[in-house]
């Protein structure tokens, strides 16, 4: 696949910029195709990861309410970090990590709010 021009950064609306700022339709189409291919490969990776985690036996750990609170703060701090990063790749990776951490924190929080029977305590 062709490389994007340094003139047009890899941002969601770069293909629009390519057309409006002296770019050609071919450049815009090439950029859109590149984005589409990248999105398809990322979806394939996600599907593979979901399959991997679905077949894995997960071990349970206990996380108390104070640890959940600390993890919630960590999610907020990492989300702010992800938004402040200027490198789009680093920002995307950080946002993915925040998303996973947030999911774990939500599950731990829900687990802490679920009443336990006496044999589990």
N, C-alpha and C. Protein backbone atom coordinates (compact mmCIF):
# COMPACT_ATOMS: atom_id res chain seq x y z
N UNK A 1 0.85 -1.17 0.00
CA UNK A 1 0.00 0.00 0.00
C UNK A 1 0.89 1.23 0.00
N UNK A 2 0.45 2.30 -0.61
CA UNK A 2 1.25 3.50 -0.72
C UNK A 2 1.37 4.21 0.62
N UNK A 3 2.48 4.91 0.77
CA UNK A 3 2.71 5.69 1.98
C UNK A 3 1.92 6.98 1.91
N UNK A 4 1.45 7.47 3.08
CA UNK A 4 0.74 8.74 3.09
C UNK A 4 1.77 9.86 2.98
N UNK A 5 1.35 10.92 2.36
CA UNK A 5 2.21 12.08 2.19
C UNK A 5 2.47 12.73 3.54
N UNK A 6 3.72 13.20 3.82
CA UNK A 6 3.98 13.86 5.09
C UNK A 6 3.13 15.13 5.25
N UNK A 7 2.62 15.62 4.13
CA UNK A 7 1.79 16.82 4.13
C UNK A 7 0.45 16.56 4.81
N UNK A 8 -0.02 15.31 4.77
CA UNK A 8 -1.31 14.95 5.35
C UNK A 8 -1.10 14.01 6.51
N UNK A 9 -1.27 14.50 7.74
CA UNK A 9 -1.04 13.64 8.91
C UNK A 9 -2.06 12.52 8.99
N UNK A 10 -1.72 11.49 9.74
CA UNK A 10 -2.61 10.34 9.92
C UNK A 10 -3.63 10.67 11.01
N UNK A 11 -4.62 11.41 10.64
CA UNK A 11 -5.72 11.75 11.54
C UNK A 11 -7.02 11.39 10.85
N UNK A 12 -8.13 11.24 11.62
CA UNK A 12 -9.38 10.79 11.01
C UNK A 12 -9.84 11.56 9.78
N UNK A 13 -9.62 12.87 9.73
CA UNK A 13 -10.13 13.65 8.60
C UNK A 13 -9.05 13.99 7.58
N UNK A 14 -7.93 13.29 7.61
CA UNK A 14 -6.83 13.62 6.69
C UNK A 14 -7.23 13.46 5.24
N UNK A 15 -8.10 12.50 4.93
CA UNK A 15 -8.51 12.34 3.54
C UNK A 15 -9.31 13.54 3.05
N UNK A 16 -10.07 14.19 3.94
CA UNK A 16 -10.80 15.41 3.57
C UNK A 16 -9.79 16.52 3.32
N UNK A 17 -8.79 16.62 4.20
CA UNK A 17 -7.74 17.63 4.02
C UNK A 17 -7.00 17.40 2.70
N UNK A 18 -6.78 16.14 2.35
CA UNK A 18 -6.06 15.83 1.11
C UNK A 18 -6.79 16.38 -0.10
N UNK A 19 -8.10 16.32 -0.10
CA UNK A 19 -8.88 16.84 -1.23
C UNK A 19 -8.95 18.36 -1.19
N UNK A 20 -9.20 18.93 -0.01
CA UNK A 20 -9.41 20.37 0.07
C UNK A 20 -8.13 21.18 -0.04
N UNK A 21 -6.99 20.60 0.30
CA UNK A 21 -5.73 21.33 0.27
C UNK A 21 -4.83 20.82 -0.84
N UNK A 22 -5.22 21.05 -2.08
CA UNK A 22 -4.41 20.72 -3.25
C UNK A 22 -4.28 19.24 -3.53
N UNK A 23 -4.88 18.40 -2.71
CA UNK A 23 -4.75 16.97 -2.92
C UNK A 23 -5.63 16.50 -4.05
N UNK A 24 -5.37 15.29 -4.45
CA UNK A 24 -6.16 14.72 -5.53
C UNK A 24 -7.14 13.69 -4.97
N UNK A 25 -8.09 13.35 -5.80
CA UNK A 25 -9.05 12.32 -5.40
C UNK A 25 -8.33 10.99 -5.20
N UNK A 26 -7.34 10.72 -6.02
CA UNK A 26 -6.58 9.47 -5.90
C UNK A 26 -5.85 9.39 -4.56
N UNK A 27 -5.29 10.51 -4.10
CA UNK A 27 -4.63 10.53 -2.79
C UNK A 27 -5.64 10.24 -1.68
N UNK A 28 -6.81 10.85 -1.78
CA UNK A 28 -7.84 10.64 -0.78
C UNK A 28 -8.31 9.19 -0.76
N UNK A 29 -8.51 8.61 -1.93
CA UNK A 29 -8.93 7.22 -2.03
C UNK A 29 -7.85 6.30 -1.47
N UNK A 30 -6.60 6.59 -1.79
CA UNK A 30 -5.49 5.78 -1.28
C UNK A 30 -5.43 5.85 0.24
N UNK A 31 -5.62 7.04 0.79
CA UNK A 31 -5.61 7.19 2.24
C UNK A 31 -6.76 6.43 2.88
N UNK A 32 -7.95 6.54 2.29
CA UNK A 32 -9.11 5.81 2.81
C UNK A 32 -8.89 4.30 2.75
N UNK A 33 -8.31 3.82 1.66
CA UNK A 33 -8.04 2.38 1.54
C UNK A 33 -7.05 1.93 2.61
N UNK A 34 -6.03 2.74 2.83
CA UNK A 34 -5.04 2.41 3.86
C UNK A 34 -5.69 2.35 5.24
N UNK A 35 -6.55 3.33 5.53
CA UNK A 35 -7.26 3.35 6.81
C UNK A 35 -8.17 2.12 6.94
N UNK A 36 -8.85 1.78 5.86
CA UNK A 36 -9.75 0.63 5.87
C UNK A 36 -8.95 -0.66 6.15
N UNK A 37 -7.82 -0.82 5.47
CA UNK A 37 -6.99 -2.01 5.68
C UNK A 37 -6.49 -2.09 7.12
N UNK A 38 -6.07 -0.94 7.65
CA UNK A 38 -5.59 -0.91 9.05
C UNK A 38 -6.73 -1.28 10.00
N UNK A 39 -7.91 -0.73 9.78
CA UNK A 39 -9.06 -1.04 10.64
C UNK A 39 -9.41 -2.52 10.55
N UNK A 40 -9.37 -3.10 9.34
CA UNK A 40 -9.67 -4.53 9.19
C UNK A 40 -8.66 -5.39 9.93
N UNK A 41 -7.39 -5.03 9.85
CA UNK A 41 -6.37 -5.83 10.55
C UNK A 41 -6.52 -5.69 12.05
N UNK A 42 -6.88 -4.50 12.53
CA UNK A 42 -7.10 -4.31 13.97
C UNK A 42 -8.31 -5.11 14.44
N UNK A 43 -9.36 -5.14 13.64
CA UNK A 43 -10.53 -5.95 13.99
C UNK A 43 -10.18 -7.42 14.05
N UNK A 44 -9.36 -7.88 13.12
CA UNK A 44 -8.93 -9.29 13.12
C UNK A 44 -8.12 -9.60 14.38
N UNK A 45 -7.23 -8.66 14.79
CA UNK A 45 -6.45 -8.85 16.00
C UNK A 45 -7.37 -8.92 17.23
N UNK A 46 -8.35 -8.02 17.28
CA UNK A 46 -9.31 -8.03 18.40
C UNK A 46 -10.08 -9.33 18.46
N UNK A 47 -10.52 -9.80 17.32
CA UNK A 47 -11.27 -11.06 17.27
C UNK A 47 -10.40 -12.21 17.78
N UNK A 48 -9.15 -12.23 17.37
CA UNK A 48 -8.23 -13.28 17.82
C UNK A 48 -8.00 -13.20 19.32
N UNK A 49 -7.83 -11.97 19.82
CA UNK A 49 -7.63 -11.80 21.26
C UNK A 49 -8.86 -12.22 22.05
N UNK A 50 -10.03 -11.85 21.56
CA UNK A 50 -11.26 -12.25 22.25
C UNK A 50 -11.38 -13.77 22.28
N UNK A 51 -11.04 -14.42 21.19
CA UNK A 51 -11.08 -15.88 21.15
C UNK A 51 -10.09 -16.49 22.13
N UNK A 52 -8.91 -15.88 22.22
CA UNK A 52 -7.88 -16.36 23.13
C UNK A 52 -8.36 -16.25 24.57
N UNK A 53 -8.94 -15.11 24.93
CA UNK A 53 -9.40 -14.91 26.30
C UNK A 53 -10.63 -15.75 26.63
N UNK A 54 -11.44 -16.04 25.61
CA UNK A 54 -12.63 -16.84 25.84
C UNK A 54 -12.27 -18.29 26.15
N UNK A 55 -11.16 -18.78 25.60
CA UNK A 55 -10.77 -20.17 25.82
C UNK A 55 -9.85 -20.33 27.03
N UNK A 56 -9.31 -19.23 27.53
CA UNK A 56 -8.42 -19.30 28.69
C UNK A 56 -9.21 -19.43 29.96
N UNK A 57 -8.72 -20.22 30.88
CA UNK A 57 -9.34 -20.30 32.20
C UNK A 57 -8.74 -19.17 33.04
N UNK A 58 -9.58 -18.23 33.44
CA UNK A 58 -9.10 -17.09 34.20
C UNK A 58 -9.06 -17.42 35.68
N UNK A 59 -8.00 -17.02 36.33
CA UNK A 59 -7.90 -17.21 37.76
C UNK A 59 -8.54 -16.02 38.46
N UNK A 60 -9.19 -16.29 39.56
CA UNK A 60 -9.86 -15.23 40.30
C UNK A 60 -8.91 -14.66 41.35
N UNK A 61 -8.93 -13.35 41.51
CA UNK A 61 -8.19 -12.70 42.58
C UNK A 61 -9.17 -11.80 43.32
N UNK A 62 -8.89 -11.55 44.57
CA UNK A 62 -9.75 -10.68 45.37
C UNK A 62 -9.18 -9.27 45.33
N UNK A 63 -10.03 -8.32 45.04
CA UNK A 63 -9.66 -6.90 45.04
C UNK A 63 -10.62 -6.20 45.97
N UNK A 64 -10.09 -5.61 47.04
CA UNK A 64 -11.00 -4.97 48.00
C UNK A 64 -11.43 -3.59 47.51
N UNK A 65 -12.35 -2.97 48.24
CA UNK A 65 -12.94 -1.69 47.81
C UNK A 65 -11.91 -0.57 47.69
N UNK A 66 -10.91 -0.57 48.56
CA UNK A 66 -9.88 0.48 48.50
C UNK A 66 -9.00 0.31 47.27
N UNK A 67 -8.71 -0.92 46.93
CA UNK A 67 -7.92 -1.19 45.72
C UNK A 67 -8.72 -0.81 44.47
N UNK A 68 -10.02 -1.05 44.47
CA UNK A 68 -10.87 -0.65 43.35
C UNK A 68 -10.84 0.86 43.19
N UNK A 69 -10.92 1.58 44.31
CA UNK A 69 -10.88 3.05 44.26
C UNK A 69 -9.54 3.52 43.68
N UNK A 70 -8.45 2.91 44.10
CA UNK A 70 -7.12 3.27 43.58
C UNK A 70 -7.05 2.99 42.07
N UNK A 71 -7.61 1.85 41.65
CA UNK A 71 -7.60 1.52 40.22
C UNK A 71 -8.46 2.50 39.41
N UNK A 72 -9.58 2.95 39.98
CA UNK A 72 -10.41 3.94 39.29
C UNK A 72 -9.63 5.23 39.06
N UNK A 73 -8.87 5.64 40.07
CA UNK A 73 -8.05 6.85 39.92
C UNK A 73 -6.97 6.63 38.86
N UNK A 74 -6.41 5.43 38.83
CA UNK A 74 -5.41 5.10 37.82
C UNK A 74 -6.00 5.18 36.41
N UNK A 75 -7.24 4.72 36.25
CA UNK A 75 -7.92 4.81 34.95
C UNK A 75 -8.05 6.27 34.53
N UNK A 76 -8.48 7.13 35.46
CA UNK A 76 -8.65 8.56 35.13
C UNK A 76 -7.32 9.21 34.74
N UNK A 77 -6.28 8.89 35.48
CA UNK A 77 -4.96 9.47 35.18
C UNK A 77 -4.47 9.00 33.82
N UNK A 78 -4.61 7.70 33.55
CA UNK A 78 -4.16 7.17 32.26
C UNK A 78 -4.99 7.68 31.10
N UNK A 79 -6.28 7.92 31.34
CA UNK A 79 -7.12 8.50 30.28
C UNK A 79 -6.63 9.91 29.94
N UNK A 80 -6.32 10.70 30.97
CA UNK A 80 -5.79 12.05 30.74
C UNK A 80 -4.46 11.98 29.99
N UNK A 81 -3.63 11.02 30.36
CA UNK A 81 -2.35 10.84 29.66
C UNK A 81 -2.57 10.51 28.19
N UNK A 82 -3.50 9.59 27.93
CA UNK A 82 -3.78 9.19 26.54
C UNK A 82 -4.25 10.38 25.71
N UNK A 83 -5.06 11.25 26.30
CA UNK A 83 -5.55 12.41 25.56
C UNK A 83 -4.45 13.44 25.32
N UNK A 84 -3.44 13.47 26.18
CA UNK A 84 -2.40 14.49 26.06
C UNK A 84 -1.24 14.07 25.14
N UNK A 85 -1.16 12.81 24.79
CA UNK A 85 -0.05 12.34 23.94
C UNK A 85 -0.19 12.89 22.52
N UNK A 86 0.91 13.39 21.99
CA UNK A 86 0.86 13.94 20.63
C UNK A 86 1.07 12.88 19.56
N UNK A 87 1.73 11.79 19.91
CA UNK A 87 1.96 10.70 18.95
C UNK A 87 0.67 9.88 18.83
N UNK A 88 0.05 9.85 17.63
CA UNK A 88 -1.23 9.15 17.49
C UNK A 88 -1.15 7.66 17.82
N UNK A 89 -0.05 7.01 17.49
CA UNK A 89 0.09 5.58 17.78
C UNK A 89 0.17 5.35 19.29
N UNK A 90 0.99 6.15 19.97
CA UNK A 90 1.12 6.01 21.42
C UNK A 90 -0.20 6.32 22.11
N UNK A 91 -0.90 7.33 21.61
CA UNK A 91 -2.20 7.69 22.17
C UNK A 91 -3.20 6.55 22.01
N UNK A 92 -3.21 5.93 20.82
CA UNK A 92 -4.14 4.82 20.56
C UNK A 92 -3.83 3.63 21.46
N UNK A 93 -2.54 3.34 21.64
CA UNK A 93 -2.15 2.24 22.52
C UNK A 93 -2.54 2.52 23.96
N UNK A 94 -2.32 3.76 24.40
CA UNK A 94 -2.66 4.12 25.77
C UNK A 94 -4.17 4.04 25.99
N UNK A 95 -4.95 4.48 24.99
CA UNK A 95 -6.41 4.40 25.09
C UNK A 95 -6.87 2.95 25.16
N UNK A 96 -6.20 2.07 24.43
CA UNK A 96 -6.55 0.64 24.48
C UNK A 96 -6.27 0.07 25.87
N UNK A 97 -5.12 0.45 26.44
CA UNK A 97 -4.80 -0.01 27.80
C UNK A 97 -5.80 0.53 28.81
N UNK A 98 -6.18 1.78 28.66
CA UNK A 98 -7.17 2.38 29.56
C UNK A 98 -8.50 1.64 29.45
N UNK A 99 -8.87 1.29 28.24
CA UNK A 99 -10.13 0.57 28.02
C UNK A 99 -10.12 -0.77 28.74
N UNK A 100 -9.02 -1.50 28.63
CA UNK A 100 -8.90 -2.80 29.29
C UNK A 100 -8.90 -2.63 30.80
N UNK A 101 -8.12 -1.68 31.30
CA UNK A 101 -8.06 -1.44 32.74
C UNK A 101 -9.43 -1.03 33.27
N UNK A 102 -10.13 -0.20 32.53
CA UNK A 102 -11.46 0.24 32.94
C UNK A 102 -12.42 -0.95 33.03
N UNK A 103 -12.33 -1.86 32.08
CA UNK A 103 -13.18 -3.06 32.09
C UNK A 103 -12.90 -3.91 33.33
N UNK A 104 -11.63 -4.08 33.66
CA UNK A 104 -11.25 -4.86 34.85
C UNK A 104 -11.77 -4.18 36.11
N UNK A 105 -11.61 -2.86 36.18
CA UNK A 105 -12.07 -2.12 37.35
C UNK A 105 -13.58 -2.22 37.50
N UNK A 106 -14.30 -2.10 36.39
CA UNK A 106 -15.76 -2.20 36.47
C UNK A 106 -16.19 -3.59 36.95
N UNK A 107 -15.52 -4.63 36.46
CA UNK A 107 -15.86 -5.99 36.91
C UNK A 107 -15.53 -6.17 38.39
N UNK A 108 -14.39 -5.63 38.83
CA UNK A 108 -14.02 -5.74 40.25
C UNK A 108 -15.00 -4.97 41.12
N UNK A 109 -15.40 -3.80 40.66
CA UNK A 109 -16.36 -2.99 41.41
C UNK A 109 -17.71 -3.72 41.52
N UNK A 110 -18.16 -4.28 40.43
CA UNK A 110 -19.41 -5.04 40.43
C UNK A 110 -19.30 -6.25 41.35
N UNK A 111 -18.16 -6.93 41.30
CA UNK A 111 -17.96 -8.09 42.16
C UNK A 111 -17.99 -7.70 43.64
N UNK A 112 -17.41 -6.54 43.98
CA UNK A 112 -17.42 -6.08 45.37
C UNK A 112 -18.82 -5.70 45.84
N UNK A 113 -19.69 -5.32 44.90
CA UNK A 113 -21.06 -4.92 45.27
C UNK A 113 -22.01 -6.11 45.31
N UNK A 114 -21.57 -7.26 44.81
CA UNK A 114 -22.42 -8.45 44.79
C UNK A 114 -22.40 -9.11 46.16
N UNK A 115 -23.59 -9.34 46.76
CA UNK A 115 -23.63 -10.00 48.07
C UNK A 115 -23.06 -11.41 47.99
N UNK A 116 -22.37 -11.83 49.01
CA UNK A 116 -21.74 -13.14 49.06
C UNK A 116 -22.49 -14.06 50.01
N UNK A 117 -22.51 -15.31 49.66
CA UNK A 117 -23.05 -16.29 50.59
C UNK A 117 -21.98 -16.58 51.64
N UNK A 118 -22.34 -17.06 52.83
CA UNK A 118 -21.35 -17.27 53.90
C UNK A 118 -20.19 -18.19 53.51
N UNK A 119 -20.42 -19.17 52.61
CA UNK A 119 -19.33 -20.09 52.28
C UNK A 119 -18.23 -19.45 51.44
N UNK A 120 -18.50 -18.28 50.80
CA UNK A 120 -17.50 -17.61 49.96
C UNK A 120 -16.65 -16.63 50.75
N UNK A 121 -17.01 -16.35 51.97
CA UNK A 121 -16.26 -15.34 52.73
C UNK A 121 -15.16 -15.91 53.55
